[in-house]
Protein backbone atom coordinates (compact mmCIF):
# COMPACT_ATOMS: atom_id res chain seq x y z
CA UNK A 1 -11.17 -11.36 3.83
CA UNK A 2 -13.10 -9.08 1.48
CA UNK A 3 -11.20 -6.14 -0.01
CA UNK A 4 -12.68 -3.22 -1.92
CA UNK A 5 -10.59 -2.52 -5.01
CA UNK A 6 -10.39 1.10 -6.09
CA UNK A 7 -8.70 2.86 -8.97
CA UNK A 8 -5.83 3.92 -6.70
CA UNK A 9 -4.70 0.27 -6.90
CA UNK A 10 -4.26 0.70 -10.65
CA UNK A 11 -2.76 -2.63 -11.68
CA UNK A 12 -5.18 -4.81 -9.69
CA UNK A 13 -8.10 -2.57 -10.64
CA UNK A 14 -7.32 -2.88 -14.37
CA UNK A 15 -6.82 -6.64 -14.10
CA UNK A 16 -10.25 -7.04 -12.52
CA UNK A 17 -11.99 -4.58 -14.87
CA UNK A 18 -10.62 -6.46 -17.88
CA UNK A 19 -12.20 -9.69 -16.60
CA UNK A 20 -15.67 -8.14 -16.53
CA UNK A 21 -15.56 -6.19 -19.81
CA UNK A 22 -16.29 -9.09 -22.11
CA UNK A 23 -19.50 -11.06 -22.36
CA UNK A 24 -17.96 -14.29 -21.16
CA UNK A 25 -19.61 -16.77 -18.85
CA UNK A 26 -19.59 -15.91 -15.15
CA UNK A 27 -19.99 -18.82 -12.75
CA UNK A 28 -21.73 -16.59 -10.22
CA UNK A 29 -24.46 -14.08 -11.11
CA UNK A 30 -27.02 -13.06 -8.51
CA UNK A 31 -29.33 -10.06 -8.07
CA UNK A 32 -31.34 -8.53 -5.27
CA UNK A 33 -33.63 -5.50 -5.04
CA UNK A 34 -33.83 -3.06 -2.14
CA UNK A 35 -36.82 -0.73 -2.00
CA UNK A 36 -36.39 1.29 1.19
CA UNK A 37 -35.28 4.65 2.56
CA UNK A 38 -36.81 6.48 -0.42
CA UNK A 39 -34.74 4.67 -3.01
CA UNK A 40 -34.94 1.67 -5.27
CA UNK A 41 -31.71 -0.22 -5.82
CA UNK A 42 -30.95 -3.32 -7.86
CA UNK A 43 -27.75 -5.02 -6.81
CA UNK A 44 -26.23 -7.36 -9.40
CA UNK A 45 -23.17 -9.34 -8.41
CA UNK A 46 -20.96 -11.16 -10.90
CA UNK A 47 -18.02 -13.20 -9.70
CA UNK A 48 -15.40 -15.47 -11.16
CA UNK A 49 -12.29 -17.19 -9.99
CA UNK A 50 -9.29 -14.92 -9.58
CA UNK A 51 -6.87 -15.24 -12.47
CA UNK A 52 -3.38 -16.71 -12.00
CA UNK A 53 -1.88 -13.21 -12.39
CA UNK A 54 -4.05 -11.88 -9.58
CA UNK A 55 -3.38 -14.90 -7.33
CA UNK A 56 0.38 -14.40 -7.81
CA UNK A 57 0.20 -10.91 -6.30
CA UNK A 58 -2.67 -11.55 -3.85
CA UNK A 59 -1.99 -14.84 -2.11
CA UNK A 60 -5.13 -16.75 -1.25
CA UNK A 61 -7.39 -14.75 -3.59
CA UNK A 62 -10.27 -16.93 -4.70
CA UNK A 63 -12.91 -14.65 -6.25
CA UNK A 64 -12.94 -11.35 -8.09
CA UNK A 65 -16.29 -9.62 -7.79
CA UNK A 66 -18.14 -6.90 -9.64
CA UNK A 67 -21.14 -5.36 -7.89
CA UNK A 68 -23.35 -3.09 -9.99
CA UNK A 69 -25.91 -0.98 -8.20
CA UNK A 70 -28.54 0.80 -10.27
CA UNK A 71 -31.73 2.55 -9.38
CA UNK A 72 -33.21 5.82 -8.23
CA UNK A 73 -32.18 7.90 -5.24
CA UNK A 74 -34.12 11.05 -4.44
CA UNK A 75 -35.85 10.68 -7.80
CA UNK A 76 -32.55 10.67 -9.74
CA UNK A 77 -31.17 7.63 -11.56
CA UNK A 78 -27.75 6.24 -10.63
CA UNK A 79 -25.41 3.48 -11.78
CA UNK A 80 -22.31 2.49 -9.77
CA UNK A 81 -19.80 -0.29 -10.30
CA UNK A 82 -17.77 -1.59 -7.34
CA UNK A 83 -14.97 -4.14 -7.47
CA UNK A 84 -13.84 -6.56 -4.77
CA UNK A 85 -11.39 -9.36 -4.24
CA UNK A 86 -11.84 -12.05 -1.61
CA UNK A 87 -10.20 -15.12 -0.14
CA UNK A 88 -13.61 -16.53 0.85
CA UNK A 89 -15.21 -19.55 -0.77
CA UNK A 90 -18.92 -19.36 -0.13
CA UNK A 91 -22.33 -19.47 -1.80
CA UNK A 92 -23.39 -16.70 -4.24
CA UNK A 93 -26.16 -15.58 -1.86
CA UNK A 94 -23.70 -15.25 1.04
CA UNK A 95 -21.21 -13.51 -1.22
CA UNK A 96 -23.82 -10.88 -2.17
CA UNK A 97 -24.79 -10.37 1.48
CA UNK A 98 -21.13 -9.94 2.51
CA UNK A 99 -20.41 -7.50 -0.31
CA UNK A 100 -23.48 -5.43 0.52
CA UNK A 101 -22.47 -5.33 4.19
CA UNK A 102 -18.97 -4.29 3.17
CA UNK A 103 -20.40 -1.58 0.95
CA UNK A 104 -22.55 -0.31 3.81
CA UNK A 105 -19.36 0.17 5.82
CA UNK A 106 -17.72 1.84 2.83
CA UNK A 107 -20.63 4.28 2.53
CA UNK A 108 -20.74 5.04 6.24
CA UNK A 109 -17.02 5.44 6.93
CA UNK A 110 -14.66 5.40 3.96
CA UNK A 111 -16.63 7.50 1.47
CA UNK A 112 -17.17 10.47 3.84
CA UNK A 113 -13.55 10.30 4.97
CA UNK A 114 -12.38 10.58 1.38
CA UNK A 115 -14.95 12.93 -0.14
CA UNK A 116 -15.77 15.19 2.81
CA UNK A 117 -12.48 15.09 4.71
CA UNK A 118 -10.08 14.59 1.75
CA UNK A 119 -8.29 11.62 3.29
CA UNK A 120 -6.94 10.12 0.04
CA UNK A 121 -5.60 13.50 -1.13
CA UNK A 122 -3.06 13.78 1.70
CA UNK A 123 0.53 12.58 1.37
CA UNK A 124 2.00 12.30 4.83
CA UNK A 125 5.70 12.57 5.47
CA UNK A 126 5.71 11.96 9.22
CA UNK A 127 5.74 8.34 10.29
CA UNK A 128 2.72 8.60 12.59
CA UNK A 129 0.82 11.20 10.56
CA UNK A 130 -1.47 8.67 8.91
CA UNK A 131 -2.59 7.13 12.22
CA UNK A 132 -2.97 10.46 14.04
CA UNK A 133 -5.04 12.07 11.30
CA UNK A 134 -7.15 8.92 10.85
CA UNK A 135 -7.95 9.04 14.57
CA UNK A 136 -8.90 12.73 14.37
CA UNK A 137 -11.16 12.05 11.37
CA UNK A 138 -12.85 9.19 13.20
CA UNK A 139 -13.45 11.41 16.23
CA UNK A 140 -14.85 14.17 14.00
CA UNK A 141 -17.21 11.80 12.16
CA UNK A 142 -18.44 10.27 15.42
CA UNK A 143 -19.00 13.66 17.04
CA UNK A 144 -20.98 14.91 14.06
CA UNK A 145 -23.15 11.78 14.01
CA UNK A 146 -23.66 11.73 17.78
CA UNK A 147 -24.81 15.34 17.63
CA UNK A 148 -27.54 14.62 15.11
CA UNK A 149 -25.89 15.34 11.76
CA UNK A 150 -26.85 12.74 9.17
CA UNK A 151 -24.95 14.69 6.51
CA UNK A 152 -21.24 15.07 7.23
CA UNK A 153 -21.03 18.02 4.84
CA UNK A 154 -23.90 19.84 6.60
CA UNK A 155 -22.30 19.12 9.97
CA UNK A 156 -18.94 20.47 8.86
CA UNK A 157 -20.55 23.60 7.50
CA UNK A 158 -22.58 24.09 10.69
CA UNK A 159 -19.66 23.90 13.10
CA UNK A 160 -16.65 24.91 11.02
CA UNK A 161 -16.48 28.38 12.60
CA UNK A 162 -17.98 27.55 15.99
CA UNK A 163 -15.13 26.34 18.18
CA UNK A 164 -17.22 26.74 21.36
CA UNK A 165 -19.84 24.32 20.03
CA UNK A 166 -17.22 21.78 19.00
CA UNK A 167 -15.46 21.96 22.36
CA UNK A 168 -18.75 21.55 24.23
CA UNK A 169 -19.25 18.21 22.44
CA UNK A 170 -16.20 16.83 24.24
CA UNK A 171 -17.07 18.43 27.57
CA UNK A 172 -14.81 21.47 27.38
CA UNK A 173 -16.33 24.87 28.02
CA UNK A 174 -14.46 27.94 26.82
CA UNK A 175 -12.92 30.04 29.59
CA UNK A 176 -15.04 32.98 30.63
CA UNK A 177 -13.41 36.28 29.76
CA UNK A 178 -14.04 39.23 31.95
């Protein structure tokens, strides 16, 4: 299991951040460079054994991981830090590959759901609200992508006030009015 750790998991997030702040020795450090899709990215992964405090709360945790991505995208520099926790025991090279695959999923699904559709901002009171709205978001993202929108934001702006277009995507044609 590989889990992305975000700031909304404050205690775990702070525990992991504190382990990577100092200049101590890290048993796993590996880098890779990706020069494609109009961007240059250097991925640097540092990992160390999960601390006793982390293992107490997260049974089976073996590694805590920091992935730093730096480079240029569309001519602009960027620097992002991502944190993970995993139960896997594997080679550094495999660990980097797994984290990058996980991050690809994060970029494709979780990031747009949160930033474009505001998923993390909602506080549901109905028992099934989380599942129902997650399903609706998934349908919306798939429909936008299947209809040629690479940018979720652009897709939302293009169809936000065009109910006929949205309904046609699912095979429903608006009733003719006479």
